[in-house]
Amino acid sequence: MDRLRGLECFRKIAERGSFAAAARDLNMSPGAITKQINALEDMLGVQLISRTTRRLSLTEAGETYLGRVSLILDDMDDANETVRDLGQGPRGCVRIAAPTSFGVLKLAPVIGKLLNAHPDLSIDLVLDDKFTDIIDEGFDIALRVSETLADSSLMSRRICSYSRVLVASPDYLASHPPITCPHDLLDHDCILFSSAQRTGLWHFTSPDDGAEMAIEVSGRYRVNSSLAMRDVLTAGSGITLTPWLVVEDLVARGELVCLLTEYLPRSLNLYALSAPHRHKLRKIRTVTDFLAKELRLENRDHAPTE
């Protein structure tokens, strides 16, 4: 058997959860990949993968072996790229998943600079506000904007933070009860971002003692894109808590008004996620480093305060 090919097949099966999916990714036939795993198990004298008609799982030996094998394959990939790229810049395609609003407003201009700086790199950018399974969907990097990250096996890097503001249109404010503190929001029609970790739970910091308060708001409009809030807001149909970068131009034109600016909302963090066995690859490191530098430099979205 080709021992290296056998290791690659084993890890890909562990990632994808099936022989058929791994075979497609590696451009092999299911029979060929099965032959590689059988030969690997025969060589080791242990069963690595438990197969039934319904499911596939790693044995205890398989779990242990996967951890060691992944380190070896990662080191080999990194060594191959380092040698191949000596005297040259990083090359190849990097697939990036990012939220739609952030991708349109902040990421797209930076991608242009990235391509100009690294002519041998290509970028496949997919904008979608749904949760992206990096490994299953074949992405190198996923950019996520959230208050915190859930625990996972993925490698994560915090890039920067974006402040949020509470906004409504002058027409909405003229026809609804006044808002003097966060608890007043309970009597208002709030526009909710449905992809938030907890939809409708807004956090503010008191200007008096610095204590944080959590307000559970409600409303008739839920949407998974910040950009899709803009027209509803300017139409006077509700009030929302949103990243400053989404509404900065509308506030500047007087179409929206910032509220309770003395009560600071929680900021959102931008994270770059990648699979543990790929985050060291030179092209992925290069893209992540470049995005971190550029997005931090251009992050001028400080919300207005009183």
C-alpha atoms as a PDB file:
ATOM      1  CA  MET A   1       0.000   0.000   0.000  1.00  0.00           C
ATOM      2  CA  ASP A   2       0.928   3.654  -0.363  1.00  0.00           C
ATOM      3  CA  ARG A   3       1.269   4.400   3.351  1.00  0.00           C
ATOM      4  CA  LEU A   4       0.907   8.174   2.967  1.00  0.00           C
ATOM      5  CA  ARG A   5      -2.160   7.752   0.768  1.00  0.00           C
ATOM      6  CA  GLY A   6      -3.611   5.425   3.362  1.00  0.00           C
ATOM      7  CA  LEU A   7      -3.164   8.031   6.075  1.00  0.00           C
ATOM      8  CA  GLU A   8      -4.805  10.710   3.894  1.00  0.00           C
ATOM      9  CA  CYS A   9      -7.731   8.374   3.213  1.00  0.00           C
ATOM     10  CA  PHE A  10      -8.142   7.600   6.906  1.00  0.00           C
ATOM     11  CA  ARG A  11      -8.232  11.239   7.948  1.00  0.00           C
ATOM     12  CA  LYS A  12     -10.600  12.210   5.161  1.00  0.00           C
ATOM     13  CA  ILE A  13     -13.033   9.441   6.163  1.00  0.00           C
ATOM     14  CA  ALA A  14     -12.883  10.637   9.775  1.00  0.00           C
ATOM     15  CA  GLU A  15     -13.634  14.205   8.627  1.00  0.00           C
ATOM     16  CA  ARG A  16     -16.445  13.393   6.236  1.00  0.00           C
ATOM     17  CA  GLY A  17     -18.065  10.541   8.135  1.00  0.00           C
ATOM     18  CA  SER A  18     -18.386   8.241   5.146  1.00  0.00           C
ATOM     19  CA  PHE A  19     -16.281   6.318   2.661  1.00  0.00           C
ATOM     20  CA  ALA A  20     -18.290   7.650  -0.298  1.00  0.00           C
ATOM     21  CA  ALA A  21     -17.837  11.336   0.639  1.00  0.00           C
ATOM     22  CA  ALA A  22     -14.126  10.834   1.313  1.00  0.00           C
ATOM     23  CA  ALA A  23     -13.720   9.073  -2.031  1.00  0.00           C
ATOM     24  CA  ARG A  24     -15.344  12.014  -3.841  1.00  0.00           C
ATOM     25  CA  ASP A  25     -13.105  14.529  -2.090  1.00  0.00           C
ATOM     26  CA  LEU A  26      -9.974  12.540  -2.944  1.00  0.00           C
ATOM     27  CA  ASN A  27     -11.121  11.727  -6.485  1.00  0.00           C
ATOM     28  CA  MET A  28     -10.980   8.008  -5.774  1.00  0.00           C
ATOM     29  CA  SER A  29     -13.426   5.155  -6.194  1.00  0.00           C
ATOM     30  CA  PRO A  30     -15.124   3.790  -3.046  1.00  0.00           C
ATOM     31  CA  GLY A  31     -13.443   0.463  -3.718  1.00  0.00           C
ATOM     32  CA  ALA A  32      -9.991   2.031  -3.868  1.00  0.00           C
ATOM     33  CA  ILE A  33     -10.414   3.941  -0.625  1.00  0.00           C
ATOM     34  CA  THR A  34     -11.765   0.838   1.120  1.00  0.00           C
ATOM     35  CA  LYS A  35      -8.699  -1.075  -0.070  1.00  0.00           C
ATOM     36  CA  GLN A  36      -6.415   1.589   1.417  1.00  0.00           C
ATOM     37  CA  ILE A  37      -8.127   1.431   4.829  1.00  0.00           C
ATOM     38  CA  ASN A  38      -8.116  -2.371   4.868  1.00  0.00           C
ATOM     39  CA  ALA A  39      -4.393  -2.389   4.096  1.00  0.00           C
ATOM     40  CA  LEU A  40      -3.732   0.242   6.802  1.00  0.00           C
ATOM     41  CA  GLU A  41      -5.630  -1.772   9.408  1.00  0.00           C
ATOM     42  CA  ASP A  42      -3.864  -4.987   8.363  1.00  0.00           C
ATOM     43  CA  MET A  43      -0.489  -3.272   8.704  1.00  0.00           C
ATOM     44  CA  LEU A  44      -1.318  -1.949  12.187  1.00  0.00           C
ATOM     45  CA  GLY A  45      -3.109  -5.082  13.324  1.00  0.00           C
ATOM     46  CA  VAL A  46      -6.045  -3.104  14.784  1.00  0.00           C
ATOM     47  CA  GLN A  47      -9.431  -1.903  13.595  1.00  0.00           C
ATOM     48  CA  LEU A  48      -9.499   1.865  13.110  1.00  0.00           C
ATOM     49  CA  ILE A  49     -13.032   2.328  11.800  1.00  0.00           C
ATOM     50  CA  SER A  50     -16.177   0.562  12.961  1.00  0.00           C
ATOM     51  CA  ARG A  51     -18.560   0.110  10.009  1.00  0.00           C
ATOM     52  CA  THR A  52     -22.197  -0.889  10.086  1.00  0.00           C
ATOM     53  CA  THR A  53     -24.948  -0.509   7.497  1.00  0.00           C
ATOM     54  CA  ARG A  54     -26.238   2.531   9.370  1.00  0.00           C
ATOM     55  CA  ARG A  55     -23.223   4.414  10.635  1.00  0.00           C
ATOM     56  CA  LEU A  56     -19.464   4.795  10.714  1.00  0.00           C
ATOM     57  CA  SER A  57     -17.366   5.640  13.758  1.00  0.00           C
ATOM     58  CA  LEU A  58     -13.758   5.541  14.873  1.00  0.00           C
ATOM     59  CA  THR A  59     -12.690   2.918  17.347  1.00  0.00           C
ATOM     60  CA  GLU A  60     -10.682   3.918  20.418  1.00  0.00           C
ATOM     61  CA  ALA A  61      -7.540   2.981  18.493  1.00  0.00           C
ATOM     62  CA  GLY A  62      -8.800   5.012  15.538  1.00  0.00           C
ATOM     63  CA  GLU A  63      -9.341   8.123  17.677  1.00  0.00           C
ATOM     64  CA  THR A  64      -5.818   7.860  19.084  1.00  0.00           C
ATOM     65  CA  TYR A  65      -4.310   7.220  15.674  1.00  0.00           C
ATOM     66  CA  LEU A  66      -6.185  10.119  14.090  1.00  0.00           C
ATOM     67  CA  GLY A  67      -4.644  12.619  16.492  1.00  0.00           C
ATOM     68  CA  ARG A  68      -1.109  11.479  15.730  1.00  0.00           C
ATOM     69  CA  VAL A  69      -1.700  11.090  11.999  1.00  0.00           C
ATOM     70  CA  SER A  70      -3.176  14.591  11.710  1.00  0.00           C
ATOM     71  CA  LEU A  71      -0.034  16.122  13.206  1.00  0.00           C
ATOM     72  CA  ILE A  72       2.119  14.241  10.693  1.00  0.00           C
ATOM     73  CA  LEU A  73      -0.013  15.191   7.693  1.00  0.00           C
ATOM     74  CA  ASP A  74      -0.210  18.830   8.819  1.00  0.00           C
ATOM     75  CA  ASP A  75       3.558  19.013   9.119  1.00  0.00           C
ATOM     76  CA  MET A  76       3.971  17.447   5.687  1.00  0.00           C
ATOM     77  CA  ASP A  77       1.491  19.855   4.088  1.00  0.00           C
ATOM     78  CA  ASP A  78       3.235  22.804   5.693  1.00  0.00           C
ATOM     79  CA  ALA A  79       6.670  21.540   4.639  1.00  0.00           C
ATOM     80  CA  ASN A  80       5.482  20.963   1.065  1.00  0.00           C
ATOM     81  CA  GLU A  81       4.021  24.460   0.815  1.00  0.00           C
ATOM     82  CA  THR A  82       7.076  26.064   2.398  1.00  0.00           C
ATOM     83  CA  VAL A  83       9.464  24.404  -0.056  1.00  0.00           C
ATOM     84  CA  ARG A  84       7.181  24.918  -3.034  1.00  0.00           C
ATOM     85  CA  ASP A  85       6.778  28.593  -2.233  1.00  0.00           C
ATOM     86  CA  LEU A  86      10.439  29.403  -1.570  1.00  0.00           C
ATOM     87  CA  GLY A  87      11.194  32.652  -3.325  1.00  0.00           C
ATOM     88  CA  GLN A  88       7.526  33.068  -4.193  1.00  0.00           C
ATOM     89  CA  GLY A  89       4.367  34.156  -2.480  1.00  0.00           C
ATOM     90  CA  PRO A  90       1.552  31.879  -1.294  1.00  0.00           C
ATOM     91  CA  ARG A  91      -0.528  30.291  -4.028  1.00  0.00           C
ATOM     92  CA  GLY A  92      -3.722  28.361  -4.530  1.00  0.00           C
ATOM     93  CA  CYS A  93      -7.423  28.868  -3.824  1.00  0.00           C
ATOM     94  CA  VAL A  94      -8.762  29.790  -0.380  1.00  0.00           C
ATOM     95  CA  ARG A  95     -12.488  29.257   0.225  1.00  0.00           C
ATOM     96  CA  ILE A  96     -13.969  31.748   2.683  1.00  0.00           C
ATOM     97  CA  ALA A  97     -17.443  31.775   4.230  1.00  0.00           C
ATOM     98  CA  ALA A  98     -18.718  35.039   5.737  1.00  0.00           C
ATOM     99  CA  PRO A  99     -21.997  36.673   6.833  1.00  0.00           C
ATOM    100  CA  THR A 100     -23.707  38.609   4.049  1.00  0.00           C
ATOM    101  CA  SER A 101     -23.870  42.070   5.630  1.00  0.00           C
ATOM    102  CA  PHE A 102     -20.301  41.978   6.891  1.00  0.00           C
ATOM    103  CA  GLY A 103     -19.095  40.546   3.594  1.00  0.00           C
ATOM    104  CA  VAL A 104     -20.687  43.293   1.522  1.00  0.00           C
ATOM    105  CA  LEU A 105     -19.831  46.220   3.780  1.00  0.00           C
ATOM    106  CA  LYS A 106     -16.387  45.348   5.139  1.00  0.00           C
ATOM    107  CA  LEU A 107     -14.877  42.241   3.609  1.00  0.00           C
ATOM    108  CA  ALA A 108     -15.276  42.762  -0.150  1.00  0.00           C
ATOM    109  CA  PRO A 109     -13.069  45.905  -0.296  1.00  0.00           C
ATOM    110  CA  VAL A 110     -10.324  44.106   1.647  1.00  0.00           C
ATOM    111  CA  ILE A 111     -10.446  41.091  -0.683  1.00  0.00           C
ATOM    112  CA  GLY A 112      -9.488  43.372  -3.560  1.00  0.00           C
ATOM    113  CA  LYS A 113      -6.380  44.500  -1.698  1.00  0.00           C
ATOM    114  CA  LEU A 114      -5.549  40.889  -0.853  1.00  0.00           C
ATOM    115  CA  LEU A 115      -5.706  39.784  -4.488  1.00  0.00           C
ATOM    116  CA  ASN A 116      -3.522  42.684  -5.567  1.00  0.00           C
ATOM    117  CA  ALA A 117      -0.939  41.896  -2.885  1.00  0.00           C
ATOM    118  CA  HIS A 118      -0.795  38.163  -3.673  1.00  0.00           C
ATOM    119  CA  PRO A 119      -1.206  37.522  -7.419  1.00  0.00           C
ATOM    120  CA  ASP A 120      -0.862  33.724  -7.070  1.00  0.00           C
ATOM    121  CA  LEU A 121      -3.768  33.472  -4.643  1.00  0.00           C
ATOM    122  CA  SER A 122      -7.390  33.038  -5.667  1.00  0.00           C
ATOM    123  CA  ILE A 123     -10.399  33.540  -3.387  1.00  0.00           C
ATOM    124  CA  ASP A 124     -13.744  31.741  -3.413  1.00  0.00           C
ATOM    125  CA  LEU A 125     -15.953  33.915  -1.189  1.00  0.00           C
ATOM    126  CA  VAL A 126     -19.394  32.639  -0.181  1.00  0.00           C
ATOM    127  CA  LEU A 127     -21.697  35.068   1.634  1.00  0.00           C
ATOM    128  CA  ASP A 128     -24.424  33.433   3.683  1.00  0.00           C
ATOM    129  CA  ASP A 129     -25.937  34.165   7.076  1.00  0.00           C
ATOM    130  CA  LYS A 130     -26.577  30.521   7.926  1.00  0.00           C
ATOM    131  CA  PHE A 131     -24.237  28.546  10.169  1.00  0.00           C
ATOM    132  CA  THR A 132     -21.454  27.086   8.024  1.00  0.00           C
ATOM    133  CA  ASP A 133     -19.971  23.667   8.672  1.00  0.00           C
ATOM    134  CA  ILE A 134     -16.404  24.377   7.575  1.00  0.00           C
ATOM    135  CA  ILE A 135     -15.251  20.794   7.210  1.00  0.00           C
ATOM    136  CA  ASP A 136     -18.416  19.339   5.685  1.00  0.00           C
ATOM    137  CA  GLU A 137     -18.771  22.176   3.174  1.00  0.00           C
ATOM    138  CA  GLY A 138     -15.089  22.371   2.286  1.00  0.00           C
ATOM    139  CA  PHE A 139     -14.191  25.872   3.504  1.00  0.00           C
ATOM    140  CA  ASP A 140     -10.678  26.927   4.490  1.00  0.00           C
ATOM    141  CA  ILE A 141     -11.772  29.909   6.605  1.00  0.00           C
ATOM    142  CA  ALA A 142     -15.122  30.891   8.113  1.00  0.00           C
ATOM    143  CA  LEU A 143     -15.565  34.444   9.391  1.00  0.00           C
ATOM    144  CA  ARG A 144     -18.171  34.751  12.111  1.00  0.00           C
ATOM    145  CA  VAL A 145     -19.517  37.835  13.845  1.00  0.00           C
ATOM    146  CA  SER A 146     -20.888  37.149  17.320  1.00  0.00           C
ATOM    147  CA  GLU A 147     -20.538  38.131  20.959  1.00  0.00           C
ATOM    148  CA  THR A 148     -18.773  34.873  21.816  1.00  0.00           C
ATOM    149  CA  LEU A 149     -17.959  31.552  20.173  1.00  0.00           C
ATOM    150  CA  ALA A 150     -19.417  28.216  21.148  1.00  0.00           C
ATOM    151  CA  ASP A 151     -16.909  25.551  22.115  1.00  0.00           C
ATOM    152  CA  SER A 152     -15.713  23.504  19.158  1.00  0.00           C
ATOM    153  CA  SER A 153     -12.697  21.664  17.829  1.00  0.00           C
ATOM    154  CA  LEU A 154     -12.053  24.412  15.265  1.00  0.00           C
ATOM    155  CA  MET A 155      -9.109  26.771  15.524  1.00  0.00           C
ATOM    156  CA  SER A 156     -10.276  30.329  16.172  1.00  0.00           C
ATOM    157  CA  ARG A 157      -8.668  33.748  16.021  1.00  0.00           C
ATOM    158  CA  ARG A 158     -10.307  36.980  17.161  1.00  0.00           C
ATOM    159  CA  ILE A 159      -9.735  39.621  14.501  1.00  0.00           C
ATOM    160  CA  CYS A 160     -11.441  42.768  15.831  1.00  0.00           C
ATOM    161  CA  SER A 161     -14.674  44.004  17.386  1.00  0.00           C
ATOM    162  CA  TYR A 162     -17.592  46.073  16.072  1.00  0.00           C
ATOM    163  CA  SER A 163     -19.736  48.312  18.244  1.00  0.00           C
ATOM    164  CA  ARG A 164     -23.520  48.243  18.129  1.00  0.00           C
ATOM    165  CA  VAL A 165     -26.145  50.947  18.394  1.00  0.00           C
ATOM    166  CA  LEU A 166     -29.826  51.128  19.221  1.00  0.00           C
ATOM    167  CA  VAL A 167     -31.586  52.958  16.365  1.00  0.00           C
ATOM    168  CA  ALA A 168     -35.034  53.949  15.138  1.00  0.00           C
ATOM    169  CA  SER A 169     -36.432  56.436  12.646  1.00  0.00           C
ATOM    170  CA  PRO A 170     -37.745  59.850  13.696  1.00  0.00           C
ATOM    171  CA  ASP A 171     -41.244  58.796  12.494  1.00  0.00           C
ATOM    172  CA  TYR A 172     -41.208  55.735  14.721  1.00  0.00           C
ATOM    173  CA  LEU A 173     -40.100  57.742  17.749  1.00  0.00           C
ATOM    174  CA  ALA A 174     -42.749  60.396  17.147  1.00  0.00           C
ATOM    175  CA  SER A 175     -45.581  57.854  17.321  1.00  0.00           C
ATOM    176  CA  HIS A 176     -44.380  55.617  20.175  1.00  0.00           C
ATOM    177  CA  PRO A 177     -43.690  56.002  23.920  1.00  0.00           C
ATOM    178  CA  PRO A 178     -40.399  57.682  24.866  1.00  0.00           C
ATOM    179  CA  ILE A 179     -37.329  55.546  25.503  1.00  0.00           C
ATOM    180  CA  THR A 180     -35.301  56.677  28.518  1.00  0.00           C
ATOM    181  CA  CYS A 181     -33.798  53.372  29.689  1.00  0.00           C
ATOM    182  CA  PRO A 182     -33.381  49.837  28.304  1.00  0.00           C
ATOM    183  CA  HIS A 183     -36.441  48.524  30.166  1.00  0.00           C
ATOM    184  CA  ASP A 184     -38.624  50.875  28.097  1.00  0.00           C
ATOM    185  CA  LEU A 185     -37.830  48.636  25.102  1.00  0.00           C
ATOM    186  CA  LEU A 186     -40.264  46.060  26.501  1.00  0.00           C
ATOM    187  CA  ASP A 187     -43.100  48.307  25.280  1.00  0.00           C
ATOM    188  CA  HIS A 188     -41.711  48.658  21.748  1.00  0.00           C
ATOM    189  CA  ASP A 189     -41.819  46.749  18.485  1.00  0.00           C
ATOM    190  CA  CYS A 190     -38.236  45.534  18.112  1.00  0.00           C
ATOM    191  CA  ILE A 191     -36.658  44.193  14.923  1.00  0.00           C
ATOM    192  CA  LEU A 192     -34.809  40.978  15.750  1.00  0.00           C
ATOM    193  CA  PHE A 193     -31.741  39.415  14.174  1.00  0.00           C
ATOM    194  CA  SER A 194     -32.732  35.762  13.951  1.00  0.00           C
ATOM    195  CA  SER A 195     -29.181  34.417  13.581  1.00  0.00           C
ATOM    196  CA  ALA A 196     -28.109  35.799  16.966  1.00  0.00           C
ATOM    197  CA  GLN A 197     -27.047  33.348  19.654  1.00  0.00           C
ATOM    198  CA  ARG A 198     -30.203  34.264  21.574  1.00  0.00           C
ATOM    199  CA  THR A 199     -32.688  36.138  19.435  1.00  0.00           C
ATOM    200  CA  GLY A 200     -34.183  39.098  21.279  1.00  0.00           C
ATOM    201  CA  LEU A 201     -31.832  39.070  24.275  1.00  0.00           C
ATOM    202  CA  TRP A 202     -30.082  42.450  24.324  1.00  0.00           C
ATOM    203  CA  HIS A 203     -27.378  43.414  26.845  1.00  0.00           C
ATOM    204  CA  PHE A 204     -26.590  46.945  28.010  1.00  0.00           C
ATOM    205  CA  THR A 205     -24.129  48.401  30.533  1.00  0.00           C
ATOM    206  CA  SER A 206     -25.514  50.883  33.055  1.00  0.00           C
ATOM    207  CA  PRO A 207     -23.812  54.311  33.043  1.00  0.00           C
ATOM    208  CA  ASP A 208     -24.342  54.577  36.804  1.00  0.00           C
ATOM    209  CA  ASP A 209     -22.532  51.552  38.215  1.00  0.00           C
ATOM    210  CA  GLY A 210     -21.254  49.676  35.161  1.00  0.00           C
ATOM    211  CA  ALA A 211     -23.548  46.737  35.834  1.00  0.00           C
ATOM    212  CA  GLU A 212     -24.804  44.795  32.846  1.00  0.00           C
ATOM    213  CA  MET A 213     -28.523  44.323  32.300  1.00  0.00           C
ATOM    214  CA  ALA A 214     -30.205  41.832  29.967  1.00  0.00           C
ATOM    215  CA  ILE A 215     -33.478  42.797  28.275  1.00  0.00           C
ATOM    216  CA  GLU A 216     -35.646  40.215  26.491  1.00  0.00           C
ATOM    217  CA  VAL A 217     -37.362  42.184  23.718  1.00  0.00           C
ATOM    218  CA  SER A 218     -39.946  41.104  21.164  1.00  0.00           C
ATOM    219  CA  GLY A 219     -41.180  42.234  17.785  1.00  0.00           C
ATOM    220  CA  ARG A 220     -43.079  41.355  14.619  1.00  0.00           C
ATOM    221  CA  TYR A 221     -40.096  41.227  12.255  1.00  0.00           C
ATOM    222  CA  ARG A 222     -37.264  38.690  12.443  1.00  0.00           C
ATOM    223  CA  VAL A 223     -34.592  38.520   9.777  1.00  0.00           C
ATOM    224  CA  ASN A 224     -31.203  36.847   9.360  1.00  0.00           C
ATOM    225  CA  SER A 225     -29.550  39.726   7.490  1.00  0.00           C
ATOM    226  CA  SER A 226     -28.653  43.092   8.983  1.00  0.00           C
ATOM    227  CA  LEU A 227     -28.964  44.711   5.542  1.00  0.00           C
ATOM    228  CA  ALA A 228     -32.583  43.562   5.332  1.00  0.00           C
ATOM    229  CA  MET A 229     -33.334  45.616   8.453  1.00  0.00           C
ATOM    230  CA  ARG A 230     -32.480  48.944   6.892  1.00  0.00           C
ATOM    231  CA  ASP A 231     -35.626  49.613   4.841  1.00  0.00           C
ATOM    232  CA  VAL A 232     -37.881  48.400   7.649  1.00  0.00           C
ATOM    233  CA  LEU A 233     -36.142  50.754  10.054  1.00  0.00           C
ATOM    234  CA  THR A 234     -36.377  53.793   7.791  1.00  0.00           C
ATOM    235  CA  ALA A 235     -40.041  52.994   7.135  1.00  0.00           C
ATOM    236  CA  GLY A 236     -40.671  53.546  10.850  1.00  0.00           C
ATOM    237  CA  SER A 237     -41.686  49.950  11.540  1.00  0.00           C
ATOM    238  CA  GLY A 238     -39.522  49.254  14.571  1.00  0.00           C
ATOM    239  CA  ILE A 239     -36.401  49.739  16.624  1.00  0.00           C
ATOM    240  CA  THR A 240     -33.302  47.542  16.606  1.00  0.00           C
ATOM    241  CA  LEU A 241     -29.850  46.897  18.022  1.00  0.00           C
ATOM    242  CA  THR A 242     -27.409  46.492  15.150  1.00  0.00           C
ATOM    243  CA  PRO A 243     -23.732  46.951  14.258  1.00  0.00           C
ATOM    244  CA  TRP A 244     -22.813  50.590  13.696  1.00  0.00           C
ATOM    245  CA  LEU A 245     -21.294  49.723  10.332  1.00  0.00           C
ATOM    246  CA  VAL A 246     -24.757  48.698   9.059  1.00  0.00           C
ATOM    247  CA  VAL A 247     -26.492  52.020   9.772  1.00  0.00           C
ATOM    248  CA  GLU A 248     -23.728  54.630   9.913  1.00  0.00           C
ATOM    249  CA  ASP A 249     -24.783  56.245   6.622  1.00  0.00           C
ATOM    250  CA  LEU A 250     -28.463  56.337   7.590  1.00  0.00           C
ATOM    251  CA  VAL A 251     -27.652  58.044  10.889  1.00  0.00           C
ATOM    252  CA  ALA A 252     -25.434  60.568   9.099  1.00  0.00           C
ATOM    253  CA  ARG A 253     -28.350  61.470   6.778  1.00  0.00           C
ATOM    254  CA  GLY A 254     -30.794  61.786   9.663  1.00  0.00           C
ATOM    255  CA  GLU A 255     -32.914  58.848   8.523  1.00  0.00           C
ATOM    256  CA  LEU A 256     -32.194  57.032  11.794  1.00  0.00           C
ATOM    257  CA  VAL A 257     -31.516  58.265  15.327  1.00  0.00           C
ATOM    258  CA  CYS A 258     -29.217  56.637  17.895  1.00  0.00           C
ATOM    259  CA  LEU A 259     -30.869  55.994  21.255  1.00  0.00           C
ATOM    260  CA  LEU A 260     -29.682  55.367  24.824  1.00  0.00           C
ATOM    261  CA  THR A 261     -26.111  56.102  23.800  1.00  0.00           C
ATOM    262  CA  GLU A 262     -25.067  56.263  27.466  1.00  0.00           C
ATOM    263  CA  TYR A 263     -26.082  52.598  27.864  1.00  0.00           C
ATOM    264  CA  LEU A 264     -23.336  50.714  26.031  1.00  0.00           C
ATOM    265  CA  PRO A 265     -24.480  47.509  24.289  1.00  0.00           C
ATOM    266  CA  ARG A 266     -22.230  44.496  24.024  1.00  0.00           C
ATOM    267  CA  SER A 267     -19.885  44.679  21.050  1.00  0.00           C
ATOM    268  CA  LEU A 268     -19.684  41.963  18.424  1.00  0.00           C
ATOM    269  CA  ASN A 269     -16.420  40.161  17.746  1.00  0.00           C
ATOM    270  CA  LEU A 270     -15.130  39.019  14.389  1.00  0.00           C
ATOM    271  CA  TYR A 271     -13.561  35.552  14.494  1.00  0.00           C
ATOM    272  CA  ALA A 272     -11.671  33.615  11.831  1.00  0.00           C
ATOM    273  CA  LEU A 273     -12.193  29.863  12.124  1.00  0.00           C
ATOM    274  CA  SER A 274     -10.334  27.075  10.360  1.00  0.00           C
ATOM    275  CA  ALA A 275     -10.001  23.317  10.655  1.00  0.00           C
ATOM    276  CA  PRO A 276      -7.282  22.150  13.076  1.00  0.00           C
ATOM    277  CA  HIS A 277      -5.394  20.291  10.377  1.00  0.00           C
ATOM    278  CA  ARG A 278      -5.398  23.219   7.909  1.00  0.00           C
ATOM    279  CA  HIS A 279      -4.874  26.430   9.866  1.00  0.00           C
ATOM    280  CA  LYS A 280      -1.080  26.172   9.546  1.00  0.00           C
ATOM    281  CA  LEU A 281      -1.100  26.005   5.749  1.00  0.00           C
ATOM    282  CA  ARG A 282       0.752  28.974   4.333  1.00  0.00           C
ATOM    283  CA  LYS A 283      -2.046  30.225   2.080  1.00  0.00           C
ATOM    284  CA  ILE A 284      -4.529  30.131   4.968  1.00  0.00           C
ATOM    285  CA  ARG A 285      -2.128  31.845   7.369  1.00  0.00           C
ATOM    286  CA  THR A 286      -1.418  34.506   4.760  1.00  0.00           C
ATOM    287  CA  VAL A 287      -5.097  35.267   4.163  1.00  0.00           C
ATOM    288  CA  THR A 288      -5.948  35.306   7.871  1.00  0.00           C
ATOM    289  CA  ASP A 289      -2.995  37.579   8.716  1.00  0.00           C
ATOM    290  CA  PHE A 290      -3.863  39.951   5.874  1.00  0.00           C
ATOM    291  CA  LEU A 291      -7.535  40.189   6.853  1.00  0.00           C
ATOM    292  CA  ALA A 292      -6.613  40.751  10.496  1.00  0.00           C
ATOM    293  CA  LYS A 293      -4.259  43.605   9.632  1.00  0.00           C
ATOM    294  CA  GLU A 294      -6.568  45.327   7.155  1.00  0.00           C
ATOM    295  CA  LEU A 295      -9.776  44.972   9.122  1.00  0.00           C
ATOM    296  CA  ARG A 296      -8.155  46.304  12.276  1.00  0.00           C
ATOM    297  CA  LEU A 297      -6.702  49.262  10.390  1.00  0.00           C
ATOM    298  CA  GLU A 298      -9.987  50.220   8.774  1.00  0.00           C
ATOM    299  CA  ASN A 299     -12.145  49.537  11.811  1.00  0.00           C
ATOM    300  CA  ARG A 300     -13.324  53.088  12.430  1.00  0.00           C
ATOM    301  CA  ASP A 301     -16.905  52.216  13.258  1.00  0.00           C
ATOM    302  CA  HIS A 302     -16.992  53.631  16.772  1.00  0.00           C
ATOM    303  CA  ALA A 303     -20.593  54.344  17.643  1.00  0.00           C
ATOM    304  CA  PRO A 304     -21.569  57.838  18.827  1.00  0.00           C
ATOM    305  CA  THR A 305     -21.659  58.419  22.559  1.00  0.00           C
ATOM    306  CA  GLU A 306     -22.912  61.270  24.665  1.00  0.00           C
END
